[in-house]
Amino acid sequence: MKLSILDYSEIRSGASPEIALTESLRLAQAAEQWGYHRYWVSEHHGNRVLAGSAPDVLVSALAAATKGRMRIGSGGVMLPMHSPFEVAERFSVLSALHPGRIDLGVGRSTGGRAETSAALLDGRSGSFQRYPEQVAKLAEYMRGTSSPPVTPRPSSPPELWLLGSSESGTQIAADHGLGLAFGHFIRARAGREAVRNYRERFVRFSETDRPRVLVSLFAVCGRDEAEAERLARVFDDYLLDIAENGRLDAVPSFADIDSRRYTQQQREKMAAGRQRMVVGDPAGVRRQLIALADLYEADELMLATVSPDFGMKLKMYGLLAEAFRLSPA
C-alpha cells in the first residue's frame, strides 16, 4: 500500500513561519528518502497557526528541494478563490520545471473566513454555485481542449485530483475523470458508498483514464501508546480551536495542554474530534490504516498530523515508513 503525506506547515509554539516552512522542506526530504509516494500542501488563509497560504509557491520550493522520487502537489488549491485559467497556467509551469512529478488537487472551500475570502476575491464573484463549472474548465484547460490555450504546454501535465468528502464532490470528480482524494477526516460516514459511486460513475476522457482513489485522514503515531496519547491530546486541542473559531497563534506545547482546563462541552467536542483520528503505536496504527484502506478499497492513504515538536513529527513518519516497509521508488 502507498502512503503519502498532507503537510499543513503548522507553526509550533515558540517557532515562526520561517521555521515552519523550513521544517516542511526538511520533512519532504526525509519522506522521499523513506519512500512516501506523494507530499501535498494545503491552502489556508488568515490562519495564524498554519503557514501554508500559497500552495503553488510552496510546491515549487518542495519540488526543488527533493530529488524527484516523490510526487509533489497541492491538497488543495481552493478553486472558488481563483481563476481556473490562472491555476492551470501556474501548475503547467510547475510541471514544465519538474516533469512527471506535479499533482494539482483542488477543493471547494474558501480556505478562510468570510472577510479573508472577500479580500482574496477583491470584489470578484466567488459563488460556490460556479464550482462544478470551474472544475470543468480547469480539466479542459489541462487537457488542451478549451480556448484560450494554456501555456506552456508541458509534456507531462499535472495529475488532476479533486478533494471530496460528499456525494456531490465525488460526483464532480467522476463526471470530469479526475482522481478522488476523499477526506475521511472530514466525513467518514457514508464515505465507502460515496467512493463506490465515484468508481461506478467515472467518465473516461481517454483510454488511459481510470478511477484513482486516495483517502486522507488524521494520524498520530508514537513509539508507544502513551506517547501517541500525549501527542493526540495536542491534536484534540487544535481541532477544538478550529471548532471554536480560532484562539491559537501556534500549535500548543505539551505544557500548554497540561495547564488547560476544559468544560464538559469542550470535552465532548474533543471526543468527537478524536473519532477523526487514527492513534496508536506503529503496529496499532498500521492495523487501523490497513483496515481503513480495505474499507475504501483504496491502494493509497494520505496522512496528516500536527505536532508540538518537529523531531517527534519526523519520528512519527519514520516509524510508519518502517512499519509499512516503504522504500524509495
Protein backbone atom coordinates (compact mmCIF):
# COMPACT_ATOMS: atom_id res chain seq x y z
CA MET A 1 0.00 0.00 0.00
CA LYS A 2 1.20 3.52 -0.83
CA LEU A 3 1.49 6.10 1.93
CA SER A 4 1.54 9.83 1.29
CA ILE A 5 1.70 12.98 3.41
CA LEU A 6 -0.52 16.06 3.62
CA ASP A 7 1.50 18.72 5.40
CA TYR A 8 -0.08 21.80 6.99
CA SER A 9 3.23 23.63 7.64
CA GLU A 10 1.99 24.26 11.17
CA ILE A 11 3.72 26.81 13.37
CA ARG A 12 4.57 25.17 16.68
CA SER A 13 4.82 27.04 19.97
CA GLY A 14 7.98 29.14 20.13
CA ALA A 15 8.61 28.89 16.37
CA SER A 16 7.94 31.21 13.42
CA PRO A 17 6.50 30.95 9.89
CA GLU A 18 10.06 30.82 8.56
CA ILE A 19 10.83 27.83 10.77
CA ALA A 20 7.54 26.12 9.87
CA LEU A 21 8.24 26.33 6.14
CA THR A 22 11.84 25.19 6.58
CA GLU A 23 10.53 22.20 8.54
CA SER A 24 8.17 21.37 5.66
CA LEU A 25 11.16 21.22 3.33
CA ARG A 26 13.06 19.01 5.78
CA LEU A 27 10.10 16.66 6.24
CA ALA A 28 9.63 16.35 2.46
CA GLN A 29 13.29 15.42 2.03
CA ALA A 30 13.03 12.79 4.75
CA ALA A 31 9.73 11.47 3.38
CA GLU A 32 11.28 10.97 -0.05
CA GLN A 33 14.16 9.01 1.46
CA TRP A 34 11.73 6.82 3.40
CA GLY A 35 9.63 6.03 0.32
CA TYR A 36 6.44 8.07 0.68
CA HIS A 37 4.59 8.37 -2.62
CA ARG A 38 3.26 11.96 -2.54
CA TYR A 39 3.76 15.09 -0.50
CA TRP A 40 0.92 17.61 -0.65
CA VAL A 41 0.46 21.01 0.97
CA SER A 42 -2.75 22.83 1.78
CA GLU A 43 -4.17 26.31 1.21
CA HIS A 44 -5.35 28.19 4.30
CA HIS A 45 -5.84 31.94 4.63
CA GLY A 46 -5.97 34.11 7.75
CA ASN A 47 -4.95 31.15 9.92
CA ARG A 48 -2.27 32.16 12.41
CA VAL A 49 -1.29 28.54 13.12
CA LEU A 50 -0.69 27.41 9.53
CA ALA A 51 1.98 28.93 7.29
CA GLY A 52 0.78 27.43 4.00
CA SER A 53 -1.29 30.12 2.27
CA ALA A 54 0.24 29.80 -1.23
CA PRO A 55 0.45 26.13 -2.27
CA ASP A 56 1.86 26.76 -5.74
CA VAL A 57 4.80 28.69 -4.27
CA LEU A 58 5.42 26.02 -1.66
CA VAL A 59 5.08 23.20 -4.22
CA SER A 60 7.81 24.86 -6.28
CA ALA A 61 10.15 25.05 -3.29
CA LEU A 62 9.42 21.46 -2.24
CA ALA A 63 9.97 20.07 -5.74
CA ALA A 64 13.29 21.93 -5.98
CA ALA A 65 14.39 20.65 -2.55
CA THR A 66 13.70 16.97 -3.31
CA LYS A 67 15.36 14.58 -5.75
CA GLY A 68 12.49 13.54 -8.00
CA ARG A 69 11.45 10.20 -6.50
CA MET A 70 8.28 11.56 -4.86
CA ARG A 71 5.31 13.43 -6.34
CA ILE A 72 4.66 16.95 -5.01
CA GLY A 73 1.35 18.74 -5.12
CA SER A 74 -1.50 20.76 -3.68
CA GLY A 75 -4.09 19.33 -1.39
CA GLY A 76 -5.50 21.59 -2.48
CA VAL A 77 -5.94 24.82 -4.33
CA MET A 78 -9.26 26.35 -3.25
CA LEU A 79 -10.77 26.86 -6.70
CA PRO A 80 -13.62 29.28 -5.79
CA MET A 81 -10.91 31.78 -4.85
CA HIS A 82 -9.05 31.54 -8.17
CA SER A 83 -9.39 31.68 -11.92
CA PRO A 84 -9.19 28.15 -13.39
CA PHE A 85 -7.09 29.55 -16.24
CA GLU A 86 -4.56 31.07 -13.83
CA VAL A 87 -4.36 27.86 -11.80
CA ALA A 88 -3.82 25.85 -14.99
CA GLU A 89 -1.02 28.18 -16.08
CA ARG A 90 0.77 28.11 -12.73
CA PHE A 91 0.71 24.33 -12.46
CA SER A 92 1.70 23.93 -16.10
CA VAL A 93 4.83 25.97 -15.34
CA LEU A 94 5.48 23.78 -12.30
CA SER A 95 5.07 20.65 -14.44
CA ALA A 96 7.48 22.02 -17.03
CA LEU A 97 10.01 22.72 -14.29
CA HIS A 98 9.51 19.29 -12.67
CA PRO A 99 8.25 16.87 -15.36
CA GLY A 100 6.16 13.94 -14.22
CA ARG A 101 6.14 15.00 -10.57
CA ILE A 102 3.39 17.58 -10.03
CA ASP A 103 -0.14 16.96 -8.70
CA LEU A 104 -2.90 19.55 -8.84
CA GLY A 105 -5.55 18.88 -6.21
CA VAL A 106 -8.44 21.34 -5.97
CA GLY A 107 -11.15 21.86 -3.38
CA ARG A 108 -14.39 23.74 -2.90
CA SER A 109 -13.65 25.54 0.37
CA THR A 110 -12.58 29.17 0.56
CA GLY A 111 -9.62 28.28 2.77
CA GLY A 112 -10.51 31.02 5.26
CA ARG A 113 -13.22 33.11 6.90
CA ALA A 114 -15.66 35.35 5.05
CA GLU A 115 -13.62 38.55 5.44
CA THR A 116 -10.47 36.82 4.20
CA SER A 117 -12.33 35.36 1.23
CA ALA A 118 -13.68 38.81 0.35
CA ALA A 119 -10.14 40.21 0.40
CA LEU A 120 -8.90 37.39 -1.82
CA LEU A 121 -11.65 37.96 -4.37
CA ASP A 122 -11.21 41.76 -4.28
CA GLY A 123 -14.75 42.42 -5.44
CA ARG A 124 -14.99 39.49 -7.86
CA SER A 125 -17.70 36.82 -7.64
CA GLY A 126 -16.80 33.69 -5.73
CA SER A 127 -20.08 31.81 -5.67
CA PHE A 128 -19.86 28.14 -4.73
CA GLN A 129 -22.56 27.50 -7.34
CA ARG A 130 -19.89 28.01 -10.02
CA TYR A 131 -17.57 25.37 -8.60
CA PRO A 132 -18.65 22.49 -10.91
CA GLU A 133 -18.23 24.83 -13.88
CA GLN A 134 -14.78 25.87 -12.64
CA VAL A 135 -13.70 22.25 -12.26
CA ALA A 136 -14.91 21.50 -15.79
CA LYS A 137 -12.97 24.47 -17.22
CA LEU A 138 -9.82 23.52 -15.32
CA ALA A 139 -9.98 19.96 -16.64
CA GLU A 140 -10.44 21.26 -20.19
CA TYR A 141 -7.51 23.65 -19.86
CA MET A 142 -5.27 20.86 -18.59
CA ARG A 143 -6.35 18.54 -21.41
CA GLY A 144 -5.87 21.23 -24.03
CA THR A 145 -9.49 21.08 -25.18
CA SER A 146 -10.56 24.61 -24.24
CA SER A 147 -9.81 28.05 -25.65
CA PRO A 148 -7.79 30.13 -25.00
CA PRO A 149 -4.93 27.62 -24.77
CA VAL A 150 -2.96 27.39 -21.56
CA THR A 151 0.76 27.93 -21.98
CA PRO A 152 3.25 26.45 -21.52
CA ARG A 153 2.04 23.04 -22.66
CA PRO A 154 4.23 20.61 -20.70
CA SER A 155 4.87 17.10 -22.00
CA SER A 156 3.78 15.75 -18.60
CA PRO A 157 0.83 17.85 -17.36
CA PRO A 158 -0.04 17.70 -13.66
CA GLU A 159 -2.21 14.91 -12.34
CA LEU A 160 -5.64 16.34 -11.56
CA TRP A 161 -7.32 15.44 -8.26
CA LEU A 162 -10.48 16.68 -6.62
CA LEU A 163 -10.75 16.87 -2.84
CA GLY A 164 -14.15 15.49 -1.92
CA SER A 165 -15.99 14.47 1.23
CA SER A 166 -19.59 14.27 -0.01
CA GLU A 167 -21.69 12.64 -2.69
CA SER A 168 -21.74 15.85 -4.73
CA GLY A 169 -17.96 16.22 -4.62
CA THR A 170 -17.29 12.64 -5.63
CA GLN A 171 -19.81 13.02 -8.47
CA ILE A 172 -17.97 16.08 -9.83
CA ALA A 173 -14.70 14.11 -9.78
CA ALA A 174 -16.34 11.22 -11.62
CA ASP A 175 -18.02 13.48 -14.21
CA HIS A 176 -14.71 15.01 -15.24
CA GLY A 177 -12.44 11.97 -15.00
CA LEU A 178 -10.42 13.30 -12.05
CA GLY A 179 -8.67 11.43 -9.28
CA LEU A 180 -10.57 11.50 -5.98
CA ALA A 181 -8.86 12.47 -2.74
CA PHE A 182 -11.55 11.53 -0.24
CA GLY A 183 -11.44 13.40 3.08
CA HIS A 184 -12.12 10.68 5.64
CA PHE A 185 -11.13 13.19 8.36
CA ILE A 186 -13.96 15.47 7.21
CA ARG A 187 -16.76 12.98 6.66
CA ALA A 188 -16.23 9.34 7.50
CA ARG A 189 -19.93 8.40 7.49
CA ALA A 190 -21.16 7.08 4.15
CA GLY A 191 -17.66 7.52 2.77
CA ARG A 192 -17.47 3.99 1.42
CA GLU A 193 -20.67 4.46 -0.56
CA ALA A 194 -19.53 7.82 -1.94
CA VAL A 195 -16.25 6.32 -3.15
CA ARG A 196 -18.04 3.33 -4.65
CA ASN A 197 -20.38 5.66 -6.57
CA TYR A 198 -17.36 7.59 -7.86
CA ARG A 199 -15.88 4.42 -9.31
CA GLU A 200 -19.17 3.30 -10.85
CA ARG A 201 -19.90 6.70 -12.45
CA PHE A 202 -16.38 7.55 -13.57
CA VAL A 203 -16.22 9.07 -17.07
CA ARG A 204 -13.16 8.30 -19.19
CA PHE A 205 -11.86 11.10 -21.42
CA SER A 206 -9.04 8.98 -22.83
CA GLU A 207 -8.07 5.32 -22.99
CA THR A 208 -5.63 5.77 -20.13
CA ASP A 209 -8.12 7.39 -17.73
CA ARG A 210 -9.14 5.29 -14.76
CA PRO A 211 -10.67 5.91 -11.31
CA ARG A 212 -7.98 6.87 -8.79
CA VAL A 213 -8.76 7.00 -5.08
CA LEU A 214 -6.64 8.13 -2.19
CA VAL A 215 -8.09 8.50 1.29
CA SER A 216 -6.83 11.29 3.56
CA LEU A 217 -7.02 11.10 7.34
CA PHE A 218 -5.54 12.41 10.56
CA ALA A 219 -2.90 10.15 12.10
CA VAL A 220 -0.99 10.26 15.37
CA CYS A 221 1.73 7.67 15.97
CA GLY A 222 4.13 7.42 18.88
CA ARG A 223 6.83 4.97 19.91
CA ASP A 224 4.26 3.51 22.29
CA GLU A 225 0.62 4.05 23.23
CA ALA A 226 1.49 6.54 25.98
CA GLU A 227 3.45 8.80 23.65
CA ALA A 228 0.75 8.56 21.00
CA GLU A 229 -1.91 9.60 23.52
CA ARG A 230 0.22 12.55 24.63
CA LEU A 231 0.56 13.75 21.04
CA ALA A 232 -3.13 13.15 20.34
CA ARG A 233 -4.10 15.44 23.22
CA VAL A 234 -2.36 18.29 21.40
CA PHE A 235 -4.26 17.43 18.23
CA ASP A 236 -7.50 17.33 20.27
CA ASP A 237 -6.87 20.89 21.43
CA TYR A 238 -6.02 22.06 17.92
CA LEU A 239 -9.26 20.64 16.47
CA LEU A 240 -11.20 22.18 19.36
CA ASP A 241 -9.67 25.54 18.50
CA ILE A 242 -10.91 25.22 14.91
CA ALA A 243 -14.39 24.36 16.16
CA GLU A 244 -14.34 27.45 18.40
CA ASN A 245 -13.24 29.82 15.62
CA GLY A 246 -9.58 30.08 16.47
CA ARG A 247 -7.83 31.39 19.57
CA LEU A 248 -4.40 29.90 18.90
CA ASP A 249 -1.35 31.58 17.41
CA ALA A 250 0.62 28.33 17.28
CA VAL A 251 0.26 24.62 17.89
CA PRO A 252 0.13 24.32 21.70
CA SER A 253 3.03 22.80 23.59
CA PHE A 254 2.73 19.85 25.96
CA ALA A 255 2.97 22.33 28.85
CA ASP A 256 0.08 24.33 27.39
CA ILE A 257 -2.07 21.21 27.21
CA ASP A 258 -1.22 20.18 30.77
CA SER A 259 -2.41 23.56 32.03
CA ARG A 260 -5.68 23.64 30.08
CA ARG A 261 -9.00 23.30 31.90
CA TYR A 262 -11.86 22.21 29.64
CA THR A 263 -15.60 22.48 30.11
CA GLN A 264 -17.78 19.40 29.69
CA GLN A 265 -18.97 20.73 26.33
CA GLN A 266 -15.38 21.15 25.16
CA ARG A 267 -14.53 17.62 26.26
CA GLU A 268 -17.44 16.34 24.21
CA LYS A 269 -16.21 18.27 21.18
CA MET A 270 -12.73 16.82 21.62
CA ALA A 271 -14.15 13.31 21.92
CA ALA A 272 -15.97 13.86 18.63
CA GLY A 273 -12.79 15.16 17.05
CA ARG A 274 -10.87 12.10 18.23
CA GLN A 275 -13.14 9.98 16.03
CA ARG A 276 -11.46 11.65 13.04
CA MET A 277 -8.00 10.35 14.03
CA VAL A 278 -6.06 7.13 13.93
CA VAL A 279 -3.98 6.98 17.12
CA GLY A 280 -1.54 4.40 18.44
CA ASP A 281 1.89 2.84 18.33
CA PRO A 282 3.33 1.81 14.92
CA ALA A 283 1.79 -1.67 14.94
CA GLY A 284 -1.59 -0.35 16.08
CA VAL A 285 -1.69 2.46 13.54
CA ARG A 286 -0.65 0.03 10.80
CA ARG A 287 -3.58 -2.26 11.64
CA GLN A 288 -6.03 0.65 11.63
CA LEU A 289 -4.72 2.04 8.34
CA ILE A 290 -4.89 -1.31 6.59
CA ALA A 291 -8.47 -1.76 7.81
CA LEU A 292 -9.36 1.70 6.51
CA ALA A 293 -7.75 1.02 3.13
CA ASP A 294 -9.72 -2.22 2.90
CA LEU A 295 -12.94 -0.38 3.77
CA TYR A 296 -12.48 2.06 0.89
CA GLU A 297 -10.74 -0.44 -1.40
CA ALA A 298 -8.01 2.19 -1.71
CA ASP A 299 -4.39 1.48 -2.51
CA GLU A 300 -3.17 4.83 -1.16
CA LEU A 301 -3.61 6.68 2.14
CA MET A 302 -2.57 10.27 2.78
CA LEU A 303 -1.73 11.08 6.39
CA ALA A 304 -1.97 14.48 8.07
CA THR A 305 -0.91 15.48 11.56
CA VAL A 306 0.01 18.49 13.66
CA SER A 307 2.72 18.23 16.27
CA PRO A 308 4.15 20.41 19.03
CA ASP A 309 7.63 19.06 18.31
CA PHE A 310 9.21 18.73 14.87
CA GLY A 311 11.53 15.93 15.96
CA MET A 312 8.52 13.88 17.07
CA LYS A 313 6.73 14.64 13.80
CA LEU A 314 9.73 13.36 11.84
CA LYS A 315 9.88 10.32 14.08
CA MET A 316 6.20 9.56 13.51
CA TYR A 317 6.52 9.40 9.74
CA GLY A 318 9.75 7.44 10.06
CA LEU A 319 8.09 4.88 12.33
CA LEU A 320 5.22 4.43 9.89
CA ALA A 321 7.59 4.10 6.93
CA GLU A 322 9.33 1.34 8.83
CA ALA A 323 6.06 -0.33 9.87
CA PHE A 324 4.89 -0.42 6.24
CA ARG A 325 8.34 -1.30 4.89
CA LEU A 326 8.32 1.62 2.50
CA SER A 327 11.24 2.04 0.11
CA PRO A 328 12.18 4.85 -2.32
CA ALA A 329 10.92 4.43 -5.89
